[in-house]
Amino acid sequence: EGNEPGDSAKITYSELLHKVCQFANVLRSQGVKKGDRISIYLPMILELVVAMLACARIGALHSIVFAGFSADSLCERILDCGCSLLIT
């Protein structure tokens, strides 16, 4: 379910696994490894779940900052947790 009442999507576990593995490989190609800290700045969309699960799959710590936050608030959160990558 998305933010709006009509926003919804259906996905199978198999499709989700495929997307998570693909994105985990993208993160690895960017040099992300176990223990790295990642910030995720996305609205309530399927890609948010995929990014979160991909981080968990490779052992990276993730911090979700919802898309309604200002640039200054996002900057403070990135600096506070020492993130090495921002997913938008």
PDB file of N, CA and C in Angstrom:
ATOM      1  N   GLU A   1       0.839  -1.183   0.000  1.00  0.00           N
ATOM      2  CA  GLU A   1       0.000   0.000   0.000  1.00  0.00           C
ATOM      3  C   GLU A   1       0.883   1.246   0.000  1.00  0.00           C
ATOM      4  N   GLY A   2       0.529   2.192  -0.841  1.00  0.00           N
ATOM      5  CA  GLY A   2       1.269   3.446  -0.915  1.00  0.00           C
ATOM      6  C   GLY A   2       0.659   4.503  -0.013  1.00  0.00           C
ATOM      7  N   ASN A   3       1.079   5.733  -0.195  1.00  0.00           N
ATOM      8  CA  ASN A   3       0.581   6.840   0.620  1.00  0.00           C
ATOM      9  C   ASN A   3      -0.858   7.209   0.275  1.00  0.00           C
ATOM     10  N   GLU A   4      -1.210   7.126  -0.985  1.00  0.00           N
ATOM     11  CA  GLU A   4      -2.549   7.472  -1.455  1.00  0.00           C
ATOM     12  C   GLU A   4      -3.450   6.248  -1.384  1.00  0.00           C
ATOM     13  N   PRO A   5      -4.743   6.432  -1.155  1.00  0.00           N
ATOM     14  CA  PRO A   5      -5.658   5.288  -1.041  1.00  0.00           C
ATOM     15  C   PRO A   5      -5.648   4.351  -2.250  1.00  0.00           C
ATOM     16  N   GLY A   6      -5.464   4.869  -3.456  1.00  0.00           N
ATOM     17  CA  GLY A   6      -5.488   4.027  -4.649  1.00  0.00           C
ATOM     18  C   GLY A   6      -4.145   3.434  -5.030  1.00  0.00           C
ATOM     19  N   ASP A   7      -3.080   3.809  -4.329  1.00  0.00           N
ATOM     20  CA  ASP A   7      -1.737   3.315  -4.664  1.00  0.00           C
ATOM     21  C   ASP A   7      -1.506   1.949  -4.031  1.00  0.00           C
ATOM     22  N   SER A   8      -1.412   0.936  -4.866  1.00  0.00           N
ATOM     23  CA  SER A   8      -1.092  -0.397  -4.363  1.00  0.00           C
ATOM     24  C   SER A   8      -0.446  -1.195  -5.488  1.00  0.00           C
ATOM     25  N   ALA A   9       0.282  -2.204  -5.116  1.00  0.00           N
ATOM     26  CA  ALA A   9       0.944  -3.080  -6.081  1.00  0.00           C
ATOM     27  C   ALA A   9       0.994  -4.478  -5.503  1.00  0.00           C
ATOM     28  N   LYS A  10       1.009  -5.451  -6.381  1.00  0.00           N
ATOM     29  CA  LYS A  10       1.132  -6.841  -5.956  1.00  0.00           C
ATOM     30  C   LYS A  10       2.402  -7.418  -6.561  1.00  0.00           C
ATOM     31  N   ILE A  11       3.099  -8.196  -5.745  1.00  0.00           N
ATOM     32  CA  ILE A  11       4.345  -8.816  -6.192  1.00  0.00           C
ATOM     33  C   ILE A  11       4.459 -10.164  -5.492  1.00  0.00           C
ATOM     34  N   THR A  12       4.992 -11.141  -6.198  1.00  0.00           N
ATOM     35  CA  THR A  12       5.175 -12.460  -5.586  1.00  0.00           C
ATOM     36  C   THR A  12       6.483 -12.469  -4.801  1.00  0.00           C
ATOM     37  N   TYR A  13       6.615 -13.444  -3.919  1.00  0.00           N
ATOM     38  CA  TYR A  13       7.869 -13.585  -3.175  1.00  0.00           C
ATOM     39  C   TYR A  13       9.036 -13.843  -4.120  1.00  0.00           C
ATOM     40  N   SER A  14       8.793 -14.595  -5.175  1.00  0.00           N
ATOM     41  CA  SER A  14       9.837 -14.890  -6.149  1.00  0.00           C
ATOM     42  C   SER A  14      10.293 -13.615  -6.860  1.00  0.00           C
ATOM     43  N   GLU A  15       9.350 -12.775  -7.270  1.00  0.00           N
ATOM     44  CA  GLU A  15       9.699 -11.511  -7.923  1.00  0.00           C
ATOM     45  C   GLU A  15      10.452 -10.593  -6.962  1.00  0.00           C
ATOM     46  N   LEU A  16      10.003 -10.557  -5.722  1.00  0.00           N
ATOM     47  CA  LEU A  16      10.677  -9.736  -4.714  1.00  0.00           C
ATOM     48  C   LEU A  16      12.108 -10.212  -4.488  1.00  0.00           C
ATOM     49  N   LEU A  17      12.294 -11.512  -4.366  1.00  0.00           N
ATOM     50  CA  LEU A  17      13.637 -12.071  -4.184  1.00  0.00           C
ATOM     51  C   LEU A  17      14.539 -11.691  -5.350  1.00  0.00           C
ATOM     52  N   HIS A  18      14.026 -11.786  -6.567  1.00  0.00           N
ATOM     53  CA  HIS A  18      14.810 -11.442  -7.754  1.00  0.00           C
ATOM     54  C   HIS A  18      15.242  -9.972  -7.707  1.00  0.00           C
ATOM     55  N   LYS A  19      14.311  -9.062  -7.380  1.00  0.00           N
ATOM     56  CA  LYS A  19      14.625  -7.637  -7.314  1.00  0.00           C
ATOM     57  C   LYS A  19      15.632  -7.340  -6.194  1.00  0.00           C
ATOM     58  N   VAL A  20      15.467  -7.993  -5.047  1.00  0.00           N
ATOM     59  CA  VAL A  20      16.373  -7.784  -3.909  1.00  0.00           C
ATOM     60  C   VAL A  20      17.780  -8.253  -4.268  1.00  0.00           C
ATOM     61  N   CYS A  21      17.903  -9.422  -4.885  1.00  0.00           N
ATOM     62  CA  CYS A  21      19.229  -9.931  -5.276  1.00  0.00           C
ATOM     63  C   CYS A  21      19.883  -9.022  -6.308  1.00  0.00           C
ATOM     64  N   GLN A  22      19.087  -8.522  -7.265  1.00  0.00           N
ATOM     65  CA  GLN A  22      19.627  -7.596  -8.263  1.00  0.00           C
ATOM     66  C   GLN A  22      20.177  -6.339  -7.593  1.00  0.00           C
ATOM     67  N   PHE A  23      19.395  -5.763  -6.681  1.00  0.00           N
ATOM     68  CA  PHE A  23      19.830  -4.526  -6.049  1.00  0.00           C
ATOM     69  C   PHE A  23      20.988  -4.766  -5.088  1.00  0.00           C
ATOM     70  N   ALA A  24      21.030  -5.921  -4.454  1.00  0.00           N
ATOM     71  CA  ALA A  24      22.170  -6.259  -3.595  1.00  0.00           C
ATOM     72  C   ALA A  24      23.452  -6.302  -4.428  1.00  0.00           C
ATOM     73  N   ASN A  25      23.359  -6.810  -5.639  1.00  0.00           N
ATOM     74  CA  ASN A  25      24.525  -6.834  -6.530  1.00  0.00           C
ATOM     75  C   ASN A  25      24.938  -5.419  -6.939  1.00  0.00           C
ATOM     76  N   VAL A  26      23.958  -4.540  -7.142  1.00  0.00           N
ATOM     77  CA  VAL A  26      24.266  -3.139  -7.452  1.00  0.00           C
ATOM     78  C   VAL A  26      25.010  -2.503  -6.281  1.00  0.00           C
ATOM     79  N   LEU A  27      24.520  -2.749  -5.069  1.00  0.00           N
ATOM     80  CA  LEU A  27      25.187  -2.193  -3.893  1.00  0.00           C
ATOM     81  C   LEU A  27      26.610  -2.724  -3.772  1.00  0.00           C
ATOM     82  N   ARG A  28      26.791  -4.025  -3.993  1.00  0.00           N
ATOM     83  CA  ARG A  28      28.143  -4.602  -3.932  1.00  0.00           C
ATOM     84  C   ARG A  28      29.051  -3.973  -4.973  1.00  0.00           C
ATOM     85  N   SER A  29      28.508  -3.715  -6.181  1.00  0.00           N
ATOM     86  CA  SER A  29      29.331  -3.112  -7.238  1.00  0.00           C
ATOM     87  C   SER A  29      29.738  -1.681  -6.885  1.00  0.00           C
ATOM     88  N   GLN A  30      28.996  -1.047  -5.982  1.00  0.00           N
ATOM     89  CA  GLN A  30      29.339   0.297  -5.505  1.00  0.00           C
ATOM     90  C   GLN A  30      30.285   0.250  -4.305  1.00  0.00           C
ATOM     91  N   GLY A  31      30.695  -0.947  -3.911  1.00  0.00           N
ATOM     92  CA  GLY A  31      31.658  -1.092  -2.829  1.00  0.00           C
ATOM     93  C   GLY A  31      31.038  -1.257  -1.453  1.00  0.00           C
ATOM     94  N   VAL A  32      29.734  -1.433  -1.376  1.00  0.00           N
ATOM     95  CA  VAL A  32      29.073  -1.611  -0.082  1.00  0.00           C
ATOM     96  C   VAL A  32      29.367  -3.012   0.436  1.00  0.00           C
ATOM     97  N   LYS A  33      29.709  -3.097   1.717  1.00  0.00           N
ATOM     98  CA  LYS A  33      30.004  -4.394   2.320  1.00  0.00           C
ATOM     99  C   LYS A  33      29.346  -4.491   3.694  1.00  0.00           C
ATOM    100  N   LYS A  34      29.464  -5.646   4.296  1.00  0.00           N
ATOM    101  CA  LYS A  34      28.861  -5.895   5.605  1.00  0.00           C
ATOM    102  C   LYS A  34      29.337  -4.845   6.610  1.00  0.00           C
ATOM    103  N   GLY A  35      28.379  -4.276   7.348  1.00  0.00           N
ATOM    104  CA  GLY A  35      28.699  -3.292   8.367  1.00  0.00           C
ATOM    105  C   GLY A  35      28.657  -1.851   7.896  1.00  0.00           C
ATOM    106  N   ASP A  36      28.633  -1.620   6.577  1.00  0.00           N
ATOM    107  CA  ASP A  36      28.531  -0.246   6.065  1.00  0.00           C
ATOM    108  C   ASP A  36      27.162   0.324   6.418  1.00  0.00           C
ATOM    109  N   ARG A  37      27.099   1.641   6.529  1.00  0.00           N
ATOM    110  CA  ARG A  37      25.841   2.311   6.849  1.00  0.00           C
ATOM    111  C   ARG A  37      25.301   3.020   5.612  1.00  0.00           C
ATOM    112  N   ILE A  38      24.033   2.767   5.329  1.00  0.00           N
ATOM    113  CA  ILE A  38      23.372   3.280   4.133  1.00  0.00           C
ATOM    114  C   ILE A  38      22.130   4.056   4.560  1.00  0.00           C
ATOM    115  N   SER A  39      21.889   5.211   3.946  1.00  0.00           N
ATOM    116  CA  SER A  39      20.637   5.941   4.151  1.00  0.00           C
ATOM    117  C   SER A  39      19.749   5.715   2.934  1.00  0.00           C
ATOM    118  N   ILE A  40      18.462   5.553   3.198  1.00  0.00           N
ATOM    119  CA  ILE A  40      17.489   5.358   2.131  1.00  0.00           C
ATOM    120  C   ILE A  40      16.492   6.498   2.226  1.00  0.00           C
ATOM    121  N   TYR A  41      16.380   7.290   1.157  1.00  0.00           N
ATOM    122  CA  TYR A  41      15.518   8.469   1.107  1.00  0.00           C
ATOM    123  C   TYR A  41      14.522   8.281  -0.028  1.00  0.00           C
ATOM    124  N   LEU A  42      13.422   7.589   0.258  1.00  0.00           N
ATOM    125  CA  LEU A  42      12.418   7.254  -0.755  1.00  0.00           C
ATOM    126  C   LEU A  42      11.018   7.388  -0.179  1.00  0.00           C
ATOM    127  N   PRO A  43      10.037   7.645  -1.058  1.00  0.00           N
ATOM    128  CA  PRO A  43       8.644   7.603  -0.599  1.00  0.00           C
ATOM    129  C   PRO A  43       8.202   6.151  -0.412  1.00  0.00           C
ATOM    130  N   MET A  44       6.966   5.953  -0.009  1.00  0.00           N
ATOM    131  CA  MET A  44       6.436   4.604   0.216  1.00  0.00           C
ATOM    132  C   MET A  44       6.155   3.927  -1.122  1.00  0.00           C
ATOM    133  N   ILE A  45       7.210   3.373  -1.725  1.00  0.00           N
ATOM    134  CA  ILE A  45       7.108   2.657  -2.990  1.00  0.00           C
ATOM    135  C   ILE A  45       7.808   1.317  -2.833  1.00  0.00           C
ATOM    136  N   LEU A  46       7.596   0.444  -3.791  1.00  0.00           N
ATOM    137  CA  LEU A  46       8.173  -0.896  -3.742  1.00  0.00           C
ATOM    138  C   LEU A  46       9.699  -0.857  -3.647  1.00  0.00           C
ATOM    139  N   GLU A  47      10.315   0.110  -4.305  1.00  0.00           N
ATOM    140  CA  GLU A  47      11.770   0.202  -4.310  1.00  0.00           C
ATOM    141  C   GLU A  47      12.337   0.453  -2.914  1.00  0.00           C
ATOM    142  N   LEU A  48      11.558   1.078  -2.039  1.00  0.00           N
ATOM    143  CA  LEU A  48      11.992   1.263  -0.655  1.00  0.00           C
ATOM    144  C   LEU A  48      12.182  -0.085   0.028  1.00  0.00           C
ATOM    145  N   VAL A  49      11.220  -0.970  -0.144  1.00  0.00           N
ATOM    146  CA  VAL A  49      11.301  -2.309   0.454  1.00  0.00           C
ATOM    147  C   VAL A  49      12.464  -3.092  -0.155  1.00  0.00           C
ATOM    148  N   VAL A  50      12.626  -2.995  -1.467  1.00  0.00           N
ATOM    149  CA  VAL A  50      13.714  -3.698  -2.145  1.00  0.00           C
ATOM    150  C   VAL A  50      15.068  -3.215  -1.628  1.00  0.00           C
ATOM    151  N   ALA A  51      15.237  -1.896  -1.506  1.00  0.00           N
ATOM    152  CA  ALA A  51      16.505  -1.346  -1.019  1.00  0.00           C
ATOM    153  C   ALA A  51      16.789  -1.782   0.409  1.00  0.00           C
ATOM    154  N   MET A  52      15.770  -1.745   1.248  1.00  0.00           N
ATOM    155  CA  MET A  52      15.929  -2.138   2.654  1.00  0.00           C
ATOM    156  C   MET A  52      16.334  -3.613   2.759  1.00  0.00           C
ATOM    157  N   LEU A  53      15.656  -4.478   2.021  1.00  0.00           N
ATOM    158  CA  LEU A  53      15.967  -5.907   2.075  1.00  0.00           C
ATOM    159  C   LEU A  53      17.319  -6.218   1.445  1.00  0.00           C
ATOM    160  N   ALA A  54      17.708  -5.469   0.414  1.00  0.00           N
ATOM    161  CA  ALA A  54      19.022  -5.674  -0.209  1.00  0.00           C
ATOM    162  C   ALA A  54      20.130  -5.321   0.776  1.00  0.00           C
ATOM    163  N   CYS A  55      19.944  -4.242   1.536  1.00  0.00           N
ATOM    164  CA  CYS A  55      20.928  -3.877   2.567  1.00  0.00           C
ATOM    165  C   CYS A  55      21.042  -4.996   3.597  1.00  0.00           C
ATOM    166  N   ALA A  56      19.896  -5.492   4.042  1.00  0.00           N
ATOM    167  CA  ALA A  56      19.906  -6.572   5.029  1.00  0.00           C
ATOM    168  C   ALA A  56      20.554  -7.825   4.465  1.00  0.00           C
ATOM    169  N   ARG A  57      20.336  -8.088   3.196  1.00  0.00           N
ATOM    170  CA  ARG A  57      20.885  -9.290   2.560  1.00  0.00           C
ATOM    171  C   ARG A  57      22.410  -9.304   2.573  1.00  0.00           C
ATOM    172  N   ILE A  58      23.037  -8.126   2.380  1.00  0.00           N
ATOM    173  CA  ILE A  58      24.499  -8.086   2.352  1.00  0.00           C
ATOM    174  C   ILE A  58      25.089  -7.688   3.711  1.00  0.00           C
ATOM    175  N   GLY A  59      24.224  -7.419   4.683  1.00  0.00           N
ATOM    176  CA  GLY A  59      24.715  -7.102   6.023  1.00  0.00           C
ATOM    177  C   GLY A  59      25.029  -5.648   6.258  1.00  0.00           C
ATOM    178  N   ALA A  60      24.542  -4.780   5.380  1.00  0.00           N
ATOM    179  CA  ALA A  60      24.739  -3.341   5.569  1.00  0.00           C
ATOM    180  C   ALA A  60      23.629  -2.810   6.476  1.00  0.00           C
ATOM    181  N   LEU A  61      23.969  -1.866   7.322  1.00  0.00           N
ATOM    182  CA  LEU A  61      22.974  -1.236   8.184  1.00  0.00           C
ATOM    183  C   LEU A  61      22.263  -0.147   7.402  1.00  0.00           C
ATOM    184  N   HIS A  62      20.949  -0.082   7.535  1.00  0.00           N
ATOM    185  CA  HIS A  62      20.217   0.937   6.779  1.00  0.00           C
ATOM    186  C   HIS A  62      19.419   1.841   7.707  1.00  0.00           C
ATOM    187  N   SER A  63      19.296   3.083   7.281  1.00  0.00           N
ATOM    188  CA  SER A  63      18.506   4.081   7.986  1.00  0.00           C
ATOM    189  C   SER A  63      17.536   4.678   6.976  1.00  0.00           C
ATOM    190  N   ILE A  64      16.238   4.551   7.259  1.00  0.00           N
ATOM    191  CA  ILE A  64      15.236   5.059   6.326  1.00  0.00           C
ATOM    192  C   ILE A  64      14.850   6.472   6.744  1.00  0.00           C
ATOM    193  N   VAL A  65      14.989   7.403   5.811  1.00  0.00           N
ATOM    194  CA  VAL A  65      14.571   8.781   6.005  1.00  0.00           C
ATOM    195  C   VAL A  65      13.443   9.013   5.008  1.00  0.00           C
ATOM    196  N   PHE A  66      12.252   9.242   5.496  1.00  0.00           N
ATOM    197  CA  PHE A  66      11.111   9.361   4.598  1.00  0.00           C
ATOM    198  C   PHE A  66      11.201  10.624   3.762  1.00  0.00           C
ATOM    199  N   ALA A  67      10.667  10.551   2.563  1.00  0.00           N
ATOM    200  CA  ALA A  67      10.853  11.574   1.533  1.00  0.00           C
ATOM    201  C   ALA A  67      10.266  12.932   1.895  1.00  0.00           C
ATOM    202  N   GLY A  68       9.475  13.035   2.935  1.00  0.00           N
ATOM    203  CA  GLY A  68       8.912  14.321   3.326  1.00  0.00           C
ATOM    204  C   GLY A  68       9.893  15.219   4.067  1.00  0.00           C
ATOM    205  N   PHE A  69      11.047  14.710   4.441  1.00  0.00           N
ATOM    206  CA  PHE A  69      12.021  15.501   5.190  1.00  0.00           C
ATOM    207  C   PHE A  69      12.743  16.479   4.260  1.00  0.00           C
ATOM    208  N   SER A  70      13.154  17.603   4.820  1.00  0.00           N
ATOM    209  CA  SER A  70      13.868  18.619   4.038  1.00  0.00           C
ATOM    210  C   SER A  70      15.311  18.169   3.788  1.00  0.00           C
ATOM    211  N   ALA A  71      15.972  18.888   2.894  1.00  0.00           N
ATOM    212  CA  ALA A  71      17.370  18.582   2.576  1.00  0.00           C
ATOM    213  C   ALA A  71      18.260  18.742   3.815  1.00  0.00           C
ATOM    214  N   ASP A  72      17.980  19.759   4.626  1.00  0.00           N
ATOM    215  CA  ASP A  72      18.780  19.977   5.833  1.00  0.00           C
ATOM    216  C   ASP A  72      18.605  18.827   6.835  1.00  0.00           C
ATOM    217  N   SER A  73      17.364  18.366   6.995  1.00  0.00           N
ATOM    218  CA  SER A  73      17.104  17.247   7.906  1.00  0.00           C
ATOM    219  C   SER A  73      17.789  15.977   7.410  1.00  0.00           C
ATOM    220  N   LEU A  74      17.734  15.756   6.109  1.00  0.00           N
ATOM    221  CA  LEU A  74      18.405  14.596   5.519  1.00  0.00           C
ATOM    222  C   LEU A  74      19.908  14.680   5.754  1.00  0.00           C
ATOM    223  N   CYS A  75      20.476  15.853   5.541  1.00  0.00           N
ATOM    224  CA  CYS A  75      21.917  16.051   5.741  1.00  0.00           C
ATOM    225  C   CYS A  75      22.323  15.742   7.182  1.00  0.00           C
ATOM    226  N   GLU A  76      21.553  16.221   8.137  1.00  0.00           N
ATOM    227  CA  GLU A  76      21.854  15.965   9.548  1.00  0.00           C
ATOM    228  C   GLU A  76      21.843  14.474   9.859  1.00  0.00           C
ATOM    229  N   ARG A  77      20.870  13.763   9.330  1.00  0.00           N
ATOM    230  CA  ARG A  77      20.776  12.320   9.587  1.00  0.00           C
ATOM    231  C   ARG A  77      21.929  11.556   8.948  1.00  0.00           C
ATOM    232  N   ILE A  78      22.325  11.977   7.757  1.00  0.00           N
ATOM    233  CA  ILE A  78      23.460  11.326   7.086  1.00  0.00           C
ATOM    234  C   ILE A  78      24.737  11.530   7.899  1.00  0.00           C
ATOM    235  N   LEU A  79      24.960  12.752   8.351  1.00  0.00           N
ATOM    236  CA  LEU A  79      26.164  13.045   9.125  1.00  0.00           C
ATOM    237  C   LEU A  79      26.150  12.352  10.478  1.00  0.00           C
ATOM    238  N   ASP A  80      24.982  12.298  11.124  1.00  0.00           N
ATOM    239  CA  ASP A  80      24.873  11.666  12.440  1.00  0.00           C
ATOM    240  C   ASP A  80      25.220  10.185  12.406  1.00  0.00           C
ATOM    241  N   CYS A  81      24.795   9.488  11.358  1.00  0.00           N
ATOM    242  CA  CYS A  81      25.043   8.041  11.346  1.00  0.00           C
ATOM    243  C   CYS A  81      26.256   7.668  10.502  1.00  0.00           C
ATOM    244  N   GLY A  82      26.890   8.629   9.864  1.00  0.00           N
ATOM    245  CA  GLY A  82      28.120   8.346   9.113  1.00  0.00           C
ATOM    246  C   GLY A  82      27.889   7.455   7.913  1.00  0.00           C
ATOM    247  N   CYS A  83      26.849   7.731   7.157  1.00  0.00           N
ATOM    248  CA  CYS A  83      26.510   6.891   5.995  1.00  0.00           C
ATOM    249  C   CYS A  83      27.544   7.005   4.891  1.00  0.00           C
ATOM    250  N   SER A  84      27.761   5.897   4.210  1.00  0.00           N
ATOM    251  CA  SER A  84      28.683   5.886   3.093  1.00  0.00           C
ATOM    252  C   SER A  84      27.964   5.962   1.756  1.00  0.00           C
ATOM    253  N   LEU A  85      26.628   5.802   1.765  1.00  0.00           N
ATOM    254  CA  LEU A  85      25.853   5.813   0.520  1.00  0.00           C
ATOM    255  C   LEU A  85      24.438   6.268   0.825  1.00  0.00           C
ATOM    256  N   LEU A  86      23.864   7.042  -0.106  1.00  0.00           N
ATOM    257  CA  LEU A  86      22.477   7.489  -0.010  1.00  0.00           C
ATOM    258  C   LEU A  86      21.724   6.933  -1.192  1.00  0.00           C
ATOM    259  N   ILE A  87      20.636   6.235  -0.925  1.00  0.00           N
ATOM    260  CA  ILE A  87      19.779   5.691  -1.982  1.00  0.00           C
ATOM    261  C   ILE A  87      18.575   6.606  -2.094  1.00  0.00           C
ATOM    262  N   THR A  88      18.359   7.178  -3.301  1.00  0.00           N
ATOM    263  CA  THR A  88      17.206   8.045  -3.528  1.00  0.00           C
ATOM    264  C   THR A  88      16.413   7.555  -4.715  1.00  0.00           C
TER     265      THR A  88
END
